[in-house]
C-alpha atoms as a PDB file:
ATOM      1  CA  MET A   1      40.655  17.513  -8.994  1.00  0.00           C
ATOM      2  CA  ASN A   2      41.814  19.048  -5.716  1.00  0.00           C
ATOM      3  CA  LYS A   3      38.242  19.133  -4.411  1.00  0.00           C
ATOM      4  CA  PHE A   4      37.828  15.447  -5.227  1.00  0.00           C
ATOM      5  CA  LEU A   5      41.030  14.483  -3.399  1.00  0.00           C
ATOM      6  CA  LEU A   6      40.067  16.689  -0.460  1.00  0.00           C
ATOM      7  CA  PHE A   7      36.689  14.932  -0.338  1.00  0.00           C
ATOM      8  CA  ILE A   8      38.413  11.534  -0.234  1.00  0.00           C
ATOM      9  CA  LYS A   9      40.823  12.679   2.488  1.00  0.00           C
ATOM     10  CA  THR A  10      38.237  14.304   4.723  1.00  0.00           C
ATOM     11  CA  MET A  11      35.391  11.784   4.314  1.00  0.00           C
ATOM     12  CA  PRO A  12      36.797   8.410   3.267  1.00  0.00           C
ATOM     13  CA  PHE A  13      33.856   6.367   4.572  1.00  0.00           C
ATOM     14  CA  VAL A  14      31.352   8.435   2.620  1.00  0.00           C
ATOM     15  CA  PHE A  15      33.466   7.979  -0.502  1.00  0.00           C
ATOM     16  CA  LEU A  16      33.690   4.211   0.089  1.00  0.00           C
ATOM     17  CA  THR A  17      29.928   4.062   0.644  1.00  0.00           C
ATOM     18  CA  ILE A  18      29.319   5.734  -2.693  1.00  0.00           C
ATOM     19  CA  VAL A  19      31.794   3.465  -4.511  1.00  0.00           C
ATOM     20  CA  PHE A  20      30.408   0.252  -3.017  1.00  0.00           C
ATOM     21  CA  SER A  21      26.833   1.359  -3.684  1.00  0.00           C
ATOM     22  CA  PHE A  22      27.641   1.767  -7.372  1.00  0.00           C
ATOM     23  CA  LEU A  23      29.395  -1.612  -7.407  1.00  0.00           C
ATOM     24  CA  TYR A  24      26.353  -3.224  -5.784  1.00  0.00           C
ATOM     25  CA  LEU A  25      23.964  -1.717  -8.325  1.00  0.00           C
ATOM     26  CA  PHE A  26      26.239  -2.741 -11.192  1.00  0.00           C
ATOM     27  CA  SER A  27      26.489  -6.340  -9.953  1.00  0.00           C
ATOM     28  CA  PHE A  28      22.703  -6.421  -9.415  1.00  0.00           C
ATOM     29  CA  ALA A  29      22.142  -5.351 -13.020  1.00  0.00           C
ATOM     30  CA  VAL A  30      24.632  -7.911 -14.346  1.00  0.00           C
ATOM     31  CA  GLN A  31      22.988 -10.673 -12.306  1.00  0.00           C
ATOM     32  CA  TYR A  32      19.522  -9.635 -13.546  1.00  0.00           C
ATOM     33  CA  ILE A  33      20.678  -9.776 -17.167  1.00  0.00           C
ATOM     34  CA  ASP A  34      22.425 -13.116 -16.624  1.00  0.00           C
ATOM     35  CA  ILE A  35      19.368 -14.701 -14.988  1.00  0.00           C
ATOM     36  CA  ASN A  36      17.095 -13.522 -17.792  1.00  0.00           C
ATOM     37  CA  LYS A  37      19.555 -14.835 -20.375  1.00  0.00           C
ATOM     38  CA  ASN A  38      19.835 -18.291 -18.758  1.00  0.00           C
ATOM     39  CA  LEU A  39      16.263 -18.547 -17.479  1.00  0.00           C
ATOM     40  CA  LYS A  40      15.348 -21.761 -19.300  1.00  0.00           C
ATOM     41  CA  GLU A  41      18.382 -23.619 -17.954  1.00  0.00           C
ATOM     42  CA  ILE A  42      17.784 -22.329 -14.432  1.00  0.00           C
ATOM     43  CA  CYS A  43      14.146 -23.440 -14.516  1.00  0.00           C
ATOM     44  CA  LYS A  44      15.171 -26.876 -15.831  1.00  0.00           C
ATOM     45  CA  ILE A  45      17.566 -27.303 -12.918  1.00  0.00           C
ATOM     46  CA  MET A  46      15.206 -26.011 -10.231  1.00  0.00           C
ATOM     47  CA  PHE A  47      11.754 -27.081 -11.349  1.00  0.00           C
ATOM     48  CA  LYS A  48      12.424 -29.850 -13.930  1.00  0.00           C
ATOM     49  CA  TYR A  49      10.570 -27.967 -16.666  1.00  0.00           C
ATOM     50  CA  ASP A  50      11.510 -24.761 -18.411  1.00  0.00           C
ATOM     51  CA  ASP A  51       8.259 -22.900 -19.081  1.00  0.00           C
ATOM     52  CA  LEU A  52       7.522 -21.712 -15.537  1.00  0.00           C
ATOM     53  CA  TYR A  53       8.979 -18.199 -15.921  1.00  0.00           C
ATOM     54  CA  LYS A  54       9.333 -16.060 -19.004  1.00  0.00           C
ATOM     55  CA  PRO A  55      11.823 -13.200 -19.465  1.00  0.00           C
ATOM     56  CA  PRO A  56      11.856 -10.370 -18.551  1.00  0.00           C
ATOM     57  CA  LEU A  57      11.320 -11.275 -14.928  1.00  0.00           C
ATOM     58  CA  ASN A  58       9.561  -8.977 -12.534  1.00  0.00           C
ATOM     59  CA  TYR A  59      11.591  -8.019  -9.483  1.00  0.00           C
ATOM     60  CA  PHE A  60       9.928 -10.372  -6.989  1.00  0.00           C
ATOM     61  CA  ASP A  61      10.549 -13.418  -9.190  1.00  0.00           C
ATOM     62  CA  PHE A  62      14.106 -12.262  -9.800  1.00  0.00           C
ATOM     63  CA  TYR A  63      14.712 -11.933  -6.072  1.00  0.00           C
ATOM     64  CA  PHE A  64      13.190 -15.364  -5.459  1.00  0.00           C
ATOM     65  CA  LEU A  65      15.431 -16.980  -8.062  1.00  0.00           C
ATOM     66  CA  SER A  66      18.529 -15.127  -6.925  1.00  0.00           C
ATOM     67  CA  THR A  67      18.200 -16.286  -3.313  1.00  0.00           C
ATOM     68  CA  LEU A  68      18.462 -19.931  -4.266  1.00  0.00           C
ATOM     69  CA  SER A  69      22.214 -20.432  -4.215  1.00  0.00           C
ATOM     70  CA  LEU A  70      22.206 -24.009  -5.480  1.00  0.00           C
ATOM     71  CA  VAL A  71      21.126 -22.838  -8.903  1.00  0.00           C
ATOM     72  CA  PHE A  72      23.933 -20.323  -9.100  1.00  0.00           C
ATOM     73  CA  LEU A  73      26.529 -22.855  -8.006  1.00  0.00           C
ATOM     74  CA  ARG A  74      25.353 -25.297 -10.654  1.00  0.00           C
ATOM     75  CA  GLU A  75      25.228 -22.617 -13.333  1.00  0.00           C
ATOM     76  CA  THR A  76      28.590 -21.173 -12.368  1.00  0.00           C
ATOM     77  CA  LEU A  77      30.393 -24.488 -12.133  1.00  0.00           C
ATOM     78  CA  ASN A  78      28.443 -26.153 -14.981  1.00  0.00           C
ATOM     79  CA  ILE A  79      27.586 -29.169 -12.846  1.00  0.00           C
ATOM     80  CA  LYS A  80      25.523 -31.688 -14.771  1.00  0.00           C
ATOM     81  CA  LYS A  81      23.253 -34.273 -13.189  1.00  0.00           C
END
């Protein structure tokens, strides 16, 4: 325990980098699971039909869908047309 506290005291930015890297990877995994779970609804909102993509998504399609913020705002706020 003393070595861990000494590590935090002597190198706080390295410790924060490690913590935020794990948080980033965790949020990336949660977002990937959420997009695959709600893929039909997302495709209905974006493309007007729901059979364009099928889960599990490959990483390029996931990145493409995750960069479109309008879909996430509609899904998050449950905005209906």
